[in-house]
Amino acid sequence: MSASFKPGQKYPTPTPGFGDRVFYETLNRQRPDSLMAREWCLAYGVLSQKEAAKLAKLAKGSSSGGKSTKRASVGSASKSRLKAKVEQEAPADIGMSVGGADMVGSSAI
């Protein structure tokens, strides 16, 4: 790693106009509780030195190596609701059937 990396930084810092950086910095400002935004900003070094040190310390202290039970239960409940919804939906005809003369390679001589 380079000496200029901040605590918790894994990748080089992208330029300010880079699309991913704009997205995650904006998300981090609008939703400071967003885990996804905090992780990205920490990994790419876009946070201040003070914020990076604080988050890196929290990330090391809270890494349990497994998923939280709350998150797993929400995911399984969502999957069962989605499965029930999909099973209830009838297949839709989107009008892409091929007729007799519409086939590729068929021509009249």
Protein backbone atom coordinates (compact mmCIF):
# COMPACT_ATOMS: atom_id res chain seq x y z
CA MET A 1 0.00 0.00 0.00
CA SER A 2 1.05 3.54 -0.61
CA ALA A 3 2.10 5.79 2.25
CA SER A 4 -0.58 8.30 1.22
CA PHE A 5 -3.44 5.88 1.90
CA LYS A 6 -5.77 6.78 4.76
CA PRO A 7 -6.80 4.33 7.50
CA GLY A 8 -9.07 1.65 6.03
CA GLN A 9 -8.33 2.66 2.43
CA LYS A 10 -7.80 -0.26 0.03
CA TYR A 11 -7.89 1.38 -3.41
CA PRO A 12 -6.57 4.59 -5.01
CA THR A 13 -8.87 7.61 -4.59
CA PRO A 14 -10.83 8.31 -7.80
CA THR A 15 -11.01 11.82 -9.28
CA PRO A 16 -13.81 14.10 -8.03
CA GLY A 17 -15.85 13.76 -11.26
CA PHE A 18 -15.76 9.96 -11.29
CA GLY A 19 -19.36 8.66 -11.38
CA ASP A 20 -19.04 6.13 -8.56
CA ARG A 21 -17.41 8.70 -6.31
CA VAL A 22 -20.14 11.26 -6.96
CA PHE A 23 -22.81 8.66 -6.21
CA TYR A 24 -21.30 7.34 -2.97
CA GLU A 25 -20.28 10.76 -1.61
CA THR A 26 -23.78 12.08 -2.26
CA LEU A 27 -25.33 8.99 -0.68
CA ASN A 28 -23.04 9.35 2.33
CA ARG A 29 -24.08 13.00 2.78
CA GLN A 30 -27.79 12.29 2.36
CA ARG A 31 -27.86 9.04 4.33
CA PRO A 32 -25.00 8.96 6.86
CA ASP A 33 -26.37 5.64 8.16
CA SER A 34 -25.82 3.95 4.77
CA LEU A 35 -23.39 1.09 5.34
CA MET A 36 -22.81 0.73 1.59
CA ALA A 37 -21.77 4.39 1.23
CA ARG A 38 -19.54 4.36 4.31
CA GLU A 39 -17.73 1.19 3.19
CA TRP A 40 -17.10 2.54 -0.31
CA CYS A 41 -15.94 5.95 0.90
CA LEU A 42 -13.62 4.32 3.43
CA ALA A 43 -12.18 1.82 0.92
CA TYR A 44 -11.51 4.53 -1.69
CA GLY A 45 -10.19 7.18 0.70
CA VAL A 46 -12.68 9.96 0.02
CA LEU A 47 -13.33 10.66 3.71
CA SER A 48 -11.29 13.06 5.81
CA GLN A 49 -8.37 11.60 7.76
CA LYS A 50 -10.33 11.94 11.03
CA GLU A 51 -13.51 10.28 9.67
CA ALA A 52 -11.49 7.49 8.03
CA ALA A 53 -9.65 6.70 11.26
CA LYS A 54 -12.92 6.61 13.20
CA LEU A 55 -14.68 4.35 10.68
CA ALA A 56 -11.67 2.07 10.26
CA LYS A 57 -11.54 1.58 14.02
CA LEU A 58 -15.28 0.83 14.11
CA ALA A 59 -15.02 -1.55 11.15
CA LYS A 60 -12.21 -3.55 12.78
CA GLY A 61 -14.01 -3.70 16.12
CA SER A 62 -17.37 -4.74 14.73
CA SER A 63 -16.26 -7.33 12.18
CA SER A 64 -17.82 -10.55 13.43
CA GLY A 65 -17.15 -12.58 10.29
CA GLY A 66 -20.81 -13.49 9.80
CA LYS A 67 -24.12 -11.98 8.88
CA SER A 68 -26.34 -10.48 11.51
CA THR A 69 -29.42 -12.51 12.40
CA LYS A 70 -31.71 -9.52 11.83
CA ARG A 71 -30.50 -9.08 8.27
CA ALA A 72 -30.76 -12.80 7.50
CA SER A 73 -34.33 -13.03 8.79
CA VAL A 74 -35.42 -10.01 6.76
CA GLY A 75 -33.87 -11.53 3.64
CA SER A 76 -35.62 -14.89 4.05
CA ALA A 77 -38.97 -13.20 4.69
CA SER A 78 -38.55 -11.06 1.58
CA LYS A 79 -37.66 -14.10 -0.51
CA SER A 80 -40.77 -16.01 0.57
CA ARG A 81 -43.01 -12.99 -0.18
CA LEU A 82 -41.38 -12.58 -3.59
CA LYS A 83 -41.79 -16.29 -4.36
CA ALA A 84 -45.50 -16.13 -3.44
CA LYS A 85 -45.96 -13.06 -5.66
CA VAL A 86 -44.20 -14.69 -8.62
CA GLU A 87 -46.28 -17.85 -8.26
CA GLN A 88 -49.49 -15.79 -8.37
CA GLU A 89 -48.60 -13.91 -11.54
CA ALA A 90 -49.85 -15.39 -14.80
CA PRO A 91 -47.40 -15.62 -17.70
CA ALA A 92 -47.84 -12.73 -20.11
CA ASP A 93 -47.95 -13.07 -23.90
CA ILE A 94 -45.62 -10.39 -25.19
CA GLY A 95 -46.45 -11.07 -28.83
CA MET A 96 -43.16 -12.53 -29.95
CA SER A 97 -44.43 -15.68 -31.61
CA VAL A 98 -43.10 -16.58 -35.05
CA GLY A 99 -45.58 -17.25 -37.83
CA GLY A 100 -45.13 -19.57 -40.84
CA ALA A 101 -43.65 -17.14 -43.38
CA ASP A 102 -41.91 -15.01 -40.76
CA MET A 103 -39.17 -17.55 -40.11
CA VAL A 104 -35.53 -16.84 -40.84
CA GLY A 105 -34.34 -18.38 -44.08
CA SER A 106 -37.77 -18.99 -45.56
CA SER A 107 -38.27 -17.46 -48.96
CA ALA A 108 -40.61 -17.96 -51.85
CA ILE A 109 -39.12 -18.86 -55.19
